[in-house]
Protein backbone atom coordinates (compact mmCIF):
# COMPACT_ATOMS: atom_id res chain seq x y z
CA MET A 1 8.07 -24.48 -1.37
CA THR A 2 6.62 -21.14 -1.85
CA GLU A 3 2.68 -19.58 -2.47
CA ARG A 4 2.43 -17.96 -5.66
CA LEU A 5 -0.52 -14.91 -5.67
CA THR A 6 -1.72 -13.44 -9.11
CA PRO A 7 -3.92 -10.71 -7.96
CA LYS A 8 -7.06 -9.51 -9.33
CA ALA A 9 -7.26 -7.08 -12.30
CA HIS A 10 -10.09 -4.09 -11.54
CA ASP A 11 -11.03 -1.63 -14.44
CA LEU A 12 -11.73 1.44 -12.70
CA GLY A 13 -12.03 3.46 -16.26
CA GLY A 14 -10.73 5.22 -18.61
CA GLY A 15 -8.03 2.81 -18.87
CA PHE A 16 -6.87 2.59 -15.08
CA THR A 17 -6.37 -0.64 -14.20
CA VAL A 18 -5.85 -1.88 -10.01
CA ARG A 19 -4.02 -4.73 -9.27
CA ARG A 20 -5.64 -6.44 -6.26
CA VAL A 21 -3.11 -8.81 -4.74
CA LEU A 22 -3.79 -8.90 -0.96
CA PRO A 23 -5.96 -10.08 0.36
CA ALA A 24 -6.04 -13.47 -1.20
CA MET A 25 -8.25 -16.61 -1.14
CA GLN A 26 -5.48 -18.06 0.21
CA ARG A 27 -4.18 -15.80 2.14
CA GLN A 28 -5.54 -12.16 4.46
CA ALA A 29 -2.09 -11.04 4.93
CA ILE A 30 1.74 -10.85 4.89
CA GLY A 31 3.21 -9.49 8.08
CA PRO A 32 0.63 -6.62 8.47
CA PHE A 33 -0.66 -6.05 5.64
CA LEU A 34 -3.64 -7.21 4.49
CA PHE A 35 -4.32 -4.94 2.02
CA PHE A 36 -2.11 -4.51 -1.75
CA ASP A 37 -3.02 -2.57 -4.42
CA HIS A 38 -0.88 -2.05 -7.70
CA PHE A 39 -2.44 0.92 -9.38
CA GLY A 40 -1.90 1.70 -12.69
CA PRO A 41 0.43 2.78 -14.96
CA VAL A 42 -1.71 4.87 -16.95
CA THR A 43 -2.23 8.17 -18.97
CA ALA A 44 -5.05 10.42 -17.92
CA GLN A 45 -6.24 13.03 -20.38
CA PRO A 46 -7.80 16.06 -19.07
CA THR A 47 -11.32 14.77 -19.24
CA ASP A 48 -10.42 11.47 -17.32
CA ASN A 49 -11.79 12.30 -13.48
CA HIS A 50 -9.88 9.47 -10.70
CA ASP A 51 -11.06 11.45 -7.75
CA VAL A 52 -11.44 9.24 -4.32
CA ARG A 53 -14.47 10.91 -2.56
CA PRO A 54 -13.84 11.30 1.10
CA HIS A 55 -14.61 7.77 2.80
CA PRO A 56 -14.18 6.13 6.11
CA HIS A 57 -11.54 3.83 8.24
CA ILE A 58 -10.82 2.10 10.64
CA GLY A 59 -8.46 0.05 12.71
CA LEU A 60 -5.97 0.46 9.96
CA ALA A 61 -2.93 2.69 8.44
CA THR A 62 -2.73 3.24 5.26
CA VAL A 63 0.26 3.46 3.53
CA THR A 64 0.73 5.57 0.05
CA TYR A 65 3.82 4.71 -2.47
CA LEU A 66 3.96 6.02 -5.58
CA LEU A 67 6.30 6.10 -8.89
CA GLU A 68 4.69 8.66 -10.90
CA GLY A 69 1.90 10.95 -10.78
CA ALA A 70 0.56 13.04 -7.77
CA MET A 71 -2.27 12.89 -6.00
CA MET A 72 -4.00 16.16 -3.23
CA HIS A 73 -4.50 14.19 0.30
CA ARG A 74 -7.24 15.61 2.34
CA ASP A 75 -7.90 14.18 5.64
CA SER A 76 -10.86 14.99 8.99
CA THR A 77 -7.32 15.86 10.94
CA GLY A 78 -7.26 18.44 9.02
CA VAL A 79 -4.02 17.63 6.95
CA VAL A 80 -3.42 19.37 2.90
CA GLN A 81 -0.73 16.94 1.42
CA ARG A 82 0.77 16.80 -1.93
CA ILE A 83 1.63 13.00 -2.06
CA GLU A 84 4.24 12.73 -5.21
CA PRO A 85 6.98 9.76 -5.93
CA GLY A 86 9.65 8.43 -3.74
CA ALA A 87 7.28 9.37 -0.82
CA ILE A 88 5.66 7.61 2.20
CA ASN A 89 2.58 8.92 2.96
CA TRP A 90 1.46 6.88 6.05
CA MET A 91 -2.24 7.14 7.89
CA THR A 92 -3.28 5.57 11.04
CA ALA A 93 -7.06 5.56 10.88
CA GLY A 94 -7.97 4.27 14.32
CA ARG A 95 -10.96 5.12 15.91
CA GLY A 96 -12.19 6.64 12.84
CA ILE A 97 -10.82 8.67 9.66
CA VAL A 98 -12.27 9.88 7.01
CA HIS A 99 -10.44 11.66 3.87
CA SER A 100 -10.12 12.37 0.16
CA GLU A 101 -7.19 11.43 -2.84
CA ARG A 102 -7.62 13.62 -6.00
CA THR A 103 -5.80 15.54 -8.73
CA PRO A 104 -3.76 18.14 -7.89
CA ASP A 105 -5.28 21.36 -9.66
CA ASP A 106 -2.47 21.96 -11.66
CA LEU A 107 -2.34 18.56 -13.49
CA ARG A 108 -6.26 18.65 -14.35
CA SER A 109 -6.45 20.18 -17.64
CA VAL A 110 -2.51 18.11 -18.48
CA THR A 111 -2.33 14.54 -19.92
CA ARG A 112 -0.70 12.80 -16.58
CA ARG A 113 0.56 9.48 -15.14
CA SER A 114 -0.04 7.78 -12.29
CA HIS A 115 1.16 4.82 -11.16
CA GLY A 116 2.00 3.36 -7.85
CA PHE A 117 0.86 1.78 -4.69
CA GLN A 118 -1.31 1.48 -1.65
CA LEU A 119 -1.00 -0.68 1.19
CA TRP A 120 -3.39 -1.36 4.53
CA SER A 121 -1.03 -2.35 7.00
CA ALA A 122 -3.43 -3.51 10.22
CA LEU A 123 -2.95 -2.01 14.02
CA PRO A 124 -1.89 -4.30 17.12
CA ALA A 125 -5.13 -5.03 18.57
CA GLU A 126 -4.23 -2.56 21.20
CA HIS A 127 -3.93 0.50 19.30
CA GLU A 128 -7.07 -0.27 16.91
CA GLU A 129 -8.68 2.69 18.68
CA ASP A 130 -6.19 5.30 19.02
CA ALA A 131 -5.87 8.74 17.89
CA PRO A 132 -6.07 9.24 14.15
CA SER A 133 -2.89 10.90 12.47
CA PHE A 134 -0.63 11.08 8.66
CA ALA A 135 2.59 10.77 8.47
CA HIS A 136 4.64 11.87 5.77
CA THR A 137 7.45 11.44 4.89
CA PRO A 138 9.19 12.82 1.59
CA ALA A 139 11.69 10.73 -0.85
CA SER A 140 14.67 12.93 0.78
CA GLN A 141 14.23 11.29 3.98
CA ILE A 142 14.09 7.86 2.82
CA PRO A 143 17.09 5.37 3.03
CA VAL A 144 18.56 4.60 -0.25
CA VAL A 145 21.32 1.93 -0.83
CA ALA A 146 23.48 0.84 -3.53
CA LEU A 147 24.67 -2.31 -4.66
CA PRO A 148 26.12 -4.25 -7.64
CA GLY A 149 23.06 -3.98 -10.53
CA ALA A 150 20.98 -2.40 -7.96
CA THR A 151 19.23 -0.22 -5.81
CA VAL A 152 17.21 -0.34 -2.75
CA ARG A 153 14.37 2.28 -0.99
CA VAL A 154 14.13 0.86 3.01
CA LEU A 155 10.75 2.47 2.86
CA ILE A 156 9.27 1.11 6.37
CA GLY A 157 11.60 -1.61 8.59
CA SER A 158 15.66 -1.68 8.16
CA ALA A 159 17.36 -3.80 5.59
CA PHE A 160 21.06 -3.91 4.22
CA GLY A 161 22.30 -1.95 7.32
CA VAL A 162 19.79 1.06 6.86
CA THR A 163 16.50 2.21 8.82
CA SER A 164 13.31 4.33 7.24
CA PRO A 165 12.21 6.98 9.31
CA VAL A 166 8.44 5.90 8.94
CA ALA A 167 7.34 5.21 13.08
CA THR A 168 5.18 1.81 12.76
CA LEU A 169 2.95 0.23 16.06
CA SER A 170 4.82 -3.66 15.07
CA PRO A 171 7.38 -4.73 13.03
CA THR A 172 7.30 -4.19 9.55
CA LEU A 173 8.73 -4.27 6.54
CA TYR A 174 8.50 -2.69 2.71
CA LEU A 175 11.20 -2.57 0.45
CA ALA A 176 11.04 -0.82 -3.66
CA LEU A 177 14.29 -2.31 -5.42
CA GLU A 178 15.64 -1.68 -8.70
CA LEU A 179 17.31 -4.27 -10.88
CA GLU A 180 19.37 -3.91 -14.18
CA ALA A 181 18.82 -6.49 -16.66
CA GLY A 182 21.26 -9.80 -15.10
CA ALA A 183 21.35 -8.32 -11.73
CA LEU A 184 21.64 -10.95 -8.77
CA LEU A 185 20.88 -9.73 -5.35
CA THR A 186 20.13 -11.79 -2.03
CA ILE A 187 17.40 -11.13 0.63
CA PRO A 188 18.35 -10.91 3.61
CA ASP A 189 16.12 -12.55 6.21
CA THR A 190 15.05 -9.45 7.57
CA ALA A 191 11.43 -10.11 8.65
CA GLN A 192 9.02 -13.24 9.87
CA GLU A 193 6.85 -13.13 6.52
CA ARG A 194 8.00 -11.82 3.49
CA GLY A 195 5.91 -11.56 -0.19
CA ILE A 196 8.13 -9.78 -3.40
CA TYR A 197 5.76 -8.69 -5.88
CA SER A 198 7.92 -7.50 -9.81
CA VAL A 199 6.39 -5.20 -10.51
CA ASP A 200 7.14 -4.95 -14.49
CA GLY A 201 10.05 -7.25 -15.64
CA PRO A 202 10.14 -11.05 -15.51
CA LEU A 203 12.59 -12.03 -12.51
CA GLU A 204 13.81 -15.79 -10.92
CA VAL A 205 13.63 -15.97 -7.19
CA ASP A 206 16.40 -18.99 -6.22
CA GLY A 207 14.94 -20.29 -10.42
CA GLU A 208 11.44 -19.54 -9.98
CA LEU A 209 10.58 -17.61 -12.54
CA LEU A 210 8.06 -14.92 -10.86
CA GLU A 211 6.15 -12.98 -14.02
CA PRO A 212 4.77 -9.23 -13.27
CA GLY A 213 1.36 -8.76 -11.08
CA GLN A 214 2.80 -11.70 -9.33
CA MET A 215 3.87 -12.50 -5.72
CA LEU A 216 5.82 -14.72 -4.22
CA VAL A 217 5.34 -15.80 -0.33
CA LEU A 218 8.73 -16.36 0.96
CA GLU A 219 9.67 -19.49 2.76
CA PRO A 220 10.54 -18.15 6.80
CA GLY A 221 14.23 -17.77 7.41
CA SER A 222 15.15 -17.78 3.28
CA THR A 223 17.34 -15.85 2.67
CA PRO A 224 16.48 -16.29 -1.74
CA THR A 225 18.40 -15.19 -4.63
CA LEU A 226 17.11 -12.79 -7.00
CA CYS A 227 17.94 -12.57 -10.95
CA ALA A 228 16.13 -10.10 -13.41
CA ARG A 229 15.94 -10.94 -16.90
CA GLU A 230 16.30 -7.52 -17.72
CA ALA A 231 15.45 -4.08 -15.63
CA THR A 232 13.06 -4.68 -12.25
CA ARG A 233 10.97 -3.30 -9.97
CA VAL A 234 10.59 -5.06 -7.62
CA MET A 235 7.91 -4.42 -4.19
CA LEU A 236 8.72 -6.40 -1.04
CA VAL A 237 6.28 -6.05 1.99
CA GLY A 238 6.12 -8.25 5.48
CA GLY A 239 6.58 -7.56 9.25
CA ALA A 240 5.11 -9.72 12.03
CA PRO A 241 1.47 -10.99 11.86
CA LEU A 242 -0.92 -9.73 14.03
CA GLY A 243 -3.51 -12.27 13.32
CA HIS A 244 -6.86 -12.31 11.05
CA ARG A 245 -9.01 -9.48 11.03
CA HIS A 246 -12.56 -8.62 10.02
CA MET A 247 -12.39 -6.37 7.19
CA VAL A 248 -15.86 -5.15 5.51
CA TRP A 249 -15.30 -2.04 2.81
CA ASN A 250 -12.74 0.79 4.96
CA PHE A 251 -13.09 -0.76 7.82
CA VAL A 252 -11.18 -4.01 9.70
CA SER A 253 -10.97 -4.87 13.39
CA SER A 254 -10.49 -7.76 15.51
CA ARG A 255 -13.45 -7.92 16.93
CA LYS A 256 -16.74 -7.73 14.40
CA GLU A 257 -19.11 -5.94 16.62
CA ARG A 258 -16.61 -2.91 15.83
CA ILE A 259 -17.23 -3.04 11.61
CA LEU A 260 -21.08 -2.99 12.65
CA GLN A 261 -20.60 0.42 14.65
CA ALA A 262 -18.07 2.13 12.39
CA GLN A 263 -20.79 0.98 9.36
CA ASP A 264 -23.75 2.55 11.23
CA ASP A 265 -21.80 5.18 12.23
CA TRP A 266 -20.81 6.04 8.62
CA GLU A 267 -24.74 5.60 7.79
CA ALA A 268 -25.65 7.77 10.54
CA GLN A 269 -22.71 10.80 9.30
CA ARG A 270 -21.29 10.31 13.28
CA PHE A 271 -17.47 10.13 11.50
CA PRO A 272 -16.09 13.65 11.27
CA ARG A 273 -15.90 15.59 8.19
CA VAL A 274 -13.26 16.57 5.51
CA PRO A 275 -12.15 20.44 6.10
CA GLY A 276 -13.61 21.72 1.99
CA GLU A 277 -14.88 18.63 1.52
CA THR A 278 -19.02 18.56 0.34
CA GLU A 279 -19.41 14.95 -1.47
CA PHE A 280 -18.44 11.58 0.18
CA ILE A 281 -18.74 7.96 -0.61
CA PRO A 282 -22.02 6.65 0.50
CA LEU A 283 -21.94 3.09 2.42
CA PRO A 284 -21.88 -0.21 0.22
CA ALA A 285 -24.71 -2.00 0.24
CA ARG A 286 -24.95 -4.61 3.61
CA ARG A 287 -24.97 -8.46 2.96
CA PRO A 288 -27.69 -9.10 5.32
């Protein structure tokens, strides 16, 4: 029996909606992924401000993938990277990183679209204190597999006979699928845990209907067949599980005391700064 996850929707203003699938009440993670946000699609006006001010992370890797639009990434390691559709952007927080995500200057004065995904991957416990880093893999380097009625982009991991160049610290799978109306596609058993998310069209998974904005957690070892009722985009995530993690705000760790230390460090402004940034998001009020 498959497990169905329905996201919580959050309106950030200006019609900008974020659907959070993970973590869910019944499941914290699928493989190493313990955070799955689908944002947009939204048409932003010049008066709209969707900037994300500098904020910290520890113990995780953020994975950003855009379908439409662009954002400017800046972080405390000194990286400045324009993020555009089709690229994979993997930021390892490790022992601590601060970053901002802002609308590029050339898009601020025009009507613009925004649509994409941000995921968090847990890090293996022995790598939670690694040095922070950022890796950008452009769309031109992402393997693409053309199948009858379907296109598969292997963003991370190996599937359909190809392997992504994106380096990870544990077995990880992340695919972007495009299905034509009526297309059939069998999903191989290439990861210990897998979840299928329908982006914008109804989809059958071995005859079980998956509505847009829902995720099905697949049975281990299964090879389900997808049937697109209409042209549909699908995201598949998975990999090897890494066990329970403590999660508070933007901090993730296998050790609760490390979360408390990170909160203290951000409050005391002991995290490194992002060059050129003067703003920051304050620590939310702590629970008693």
